[in-house]
Every structure is written in structure tokens, then in C-alpha cells.
Amino acid sequence: MPTIDIEQTRNQARALLDSRIESVTNLVKARQRITDLREQLADAEREDKRAYVRATKDGWSPEELKKLGLESGAATRRRKPATTRTSDDNSPSTDDGVTAAE
């Protein structure tokens, strides 16, 4: 049986761990970048809202701003409502309304 070099084995193990640590480090950096960008976006949206309110206080009507392509930020960020389905909607049924599971 060949002899095992403990230092060589440790070095190989460290190399494997270093690779794994590097990949998780890159993941953490990417997630932190997302968090930072979301915070920047939230700041920019608050500033946009303040600027829109200031424009309306300075005499611009919402209709005039809309004609200039400057709708209220809230109006452009509308979300479509989530649709929910019950489990009954997903069950196949026969012509008499009885589900296939019955």
C-alpha cells in the first residue's frame, strides 16, 4: 500500500475548499449588489415622487405632465393583481361534474 503524504493531502483539501469558498463569496457579493441596487432604486423612486409633487405645486397639472410623458410614478408602477386558483380548478372533471379523483 502506498504511503499517504499528509501535507499533500491537506494542500489538496485546501484547494478544494478554497474553490468552494470562492464560489460562495461571489454569491454573497452578487446578493449584496442586488440589495444595494434595490436601496438605490427606492431612493430614486422617493426622489421622483418628491419632484413630481414639486412640479404639481409649481403649477403643472397631472394632465400636462402626462402629455409631456411624465406620468405620476405610482401610475406607471401598477402591478397586475395576483390570480389565485383553488385546488378544485385544477382537477379534471367528467361531463357530469364529478372529478376524476372521485
Protein backbone atom coordinates (compact mmCIF):
# COMPACT_ATOMS: atom_id res chain seq x y z
CA MET A 1 0.00 0.00 0.00
CA PRO A 2 1.46 3.39 -0.97
CA THR A 3 2.22 5.88 1.75
CA ILE A 4 -0.02 8.90 2.07
CA ASP A 5 1.63 12.31 2.28
CA ILE A 6 -0.35 14.25 4.86
CA GLU A 7 0.87 17.66 3.66
CA GLN A 8 -0.04 16.90 0.07
CA THR A 9 -3.49 15.70 1.17
CA ARG A 10 -4.02 18.85 3.25
CA ASN A 11 -2.99 21.05 0.35
CA GLN A 12 -5.39 19.25 -1.99
CA ALA A 13 -8.19 19.59 0.56
CA ARG A 14 -7.45 23.31 1.00
CA ALA A 15 -7.53 23.82 -2.76
CA LEU A 16 -10.95 22.17 -2.92
CA LEU A 17 -12.23 24.26 -0.01
CA ASP A 18 -10.78 27.46 -1.47
CA SER A 19 -12.73 26.85 -4.66
CA ARG A 20 -15.94 26.33 -2.70
CA ILE A 21 -15.28 29.39 -0.54
CA GLU A 22 -14.65 31.49 -3.66
CA SER A 23 -17.97 30.48 -5.22
CA VAL A 24 -19.94 31.28 -2.06
CA THR A 25 -18.05 34.58 -1.71
CA ASN A 26 -19.10 35.50 -5.26
CA LEU A 27 -22.69 34.62 -4.41
CA VAL A 28 -22.63 36.85 -1.32
CA LYS A 29 -21.17 39.72 -3.38
CA ALA A 30 -23.88 39.33 -6.01
CA ARG A 31 -26.64 39.28 -3.39
CA GLN A 32 -25.19 42.35 -1.69
CA ARG A 33 -25.10 44.15 -5.04
CA ILE A 34 -28.79 43.36 -5.54
CA THR A 35 -29.58 44.72 -2.06
CA ASP A 36 -27.58 47.89 -2.75
CA LEU A 37 -29.28 48.44 -6.12
CA ARG A 38 -32.74 47.93 -4.59
CA GLU A 39 -31.91 50.58 -1.99
CA GLN A 40 -30.72 52.94 -4.72
CA LEU A 41 -33.91 52.30 -6.68
CA ALA A 42 -36.06 53.01 -3.61
CA ASP A 43 -34.14 56.27 -3.05
CA ALA A 44 -34.59 57.26 -6.71
CA GLU A 45 -38.33 56.48 -6.56
CA ARG A 46 -38.74 58.64 -3.45
CA GLU A 47 -36.88 61.47 -5.18
CA ASP A 48 -39.07 61.04 -8.27
CA LYS A 49 -42.20 61.32 -6.13
CA ARG A 50 -40.91 64.48 -4.42
CA ALA A 51 -40.03 66.01 -7.80
CA TYR A 52 -43.48 65.16 -9.20
CA VAL A 53 -45.21 66.72 -6.19
CA ARG A 54 -42.99 69.81 -6.53
CA ALA A 55 -43.91 70.10 -10.23
CA THR A 56 -47.63 69.96 -9.41
CA LYS A 57 -47.16 72.55 -6.65
CA ASP A 58 -45.38 74.76 -9.17
CA GLY A 59 -48.50 74.77 -11.30
CA TRP A 60 -48.18 71.78 -13.61
CA SER A 61 -51.35 69.73 -13.81
CA PRO A 62 -51.17 65.92 -13.88
CA GLU A 63 -52.67 66.04 -17.37
CA GLU A 64 -49.98 68.43 -18.62
CA LEU A 65 -47.24 66.30 -17.11
CA LYS A 66 -48.76 63.21 -18.70
CA LYS A 67 -48.74 64.89 -22.11
CA LEU A 68 -45.03 65.52 -21.58
CA GLY A 69 -44.52 61.82 -20.84
CA LEU A 70 -44.16 62.48 -17.12
CA GLU A 71 -46.94 60.45 -15.54
CA SER A 72 -47.06 60.03 -11.81
CA GLY A 73 -44.55 57.38 -10.78
CA ALA A 74 -47.29 55.49 -8.94
CA ALA A 75 -49.35 55.23 -12.12
CA THR A 76 -46.50 53.71 -14.11
CA ARG A 77 -45.71 51.10 -11.45
CA ARG A 78 -49.12 49.49 -11.20
CA ARG A 79 -48.99 45.78 -10.56
CA LYS A 80 -51.47 43.41 -12.04
CA PRO A 81 -53.41 41.58 -9.37
CA ALA A 82 -52.31 38.11 -8.46
CA THR A 83 -54.67 35.39 -9.57
CA THR A 84 -55.44 32.59 -7.18
CA ARG A 85 -56.85 29.23 -8.10
CA THR A 86 -58.39 26.68 -5.83
CA SER A 87 -57.37 23.07 -6.00
CA ASP A 88 -60.80 22.26 -7.49
CA ASP A 89 -59.94 24.36 -10.54
CA ASN A 90 -57.01 22.08 -11.31
CA SER A 91 -58.87 18.76 -11.01
CA PRO A 92 -60.00 17.17 -14.25
CA SER A 93 -63.73 16.52 -14.32
CA THR A 94 -66.07 14.39 -16.31
CA ASP A 95 -69.12 15.68 -18.19
CA ASP A 96 -71.34 15.15 -15.14
CA GLY A 97 -69.14 17.43 -12.98
CA VAL A 98 -67.56 14.63 -10.98
CA THR A 99 -63.81 14.92 -10.65
CA ALA A 100 -61.65 12.08 -11.85
CA ALA A 101 -60.33 11.50 -8.33
CA GLU A 102 -63.80 10.61 -7.01
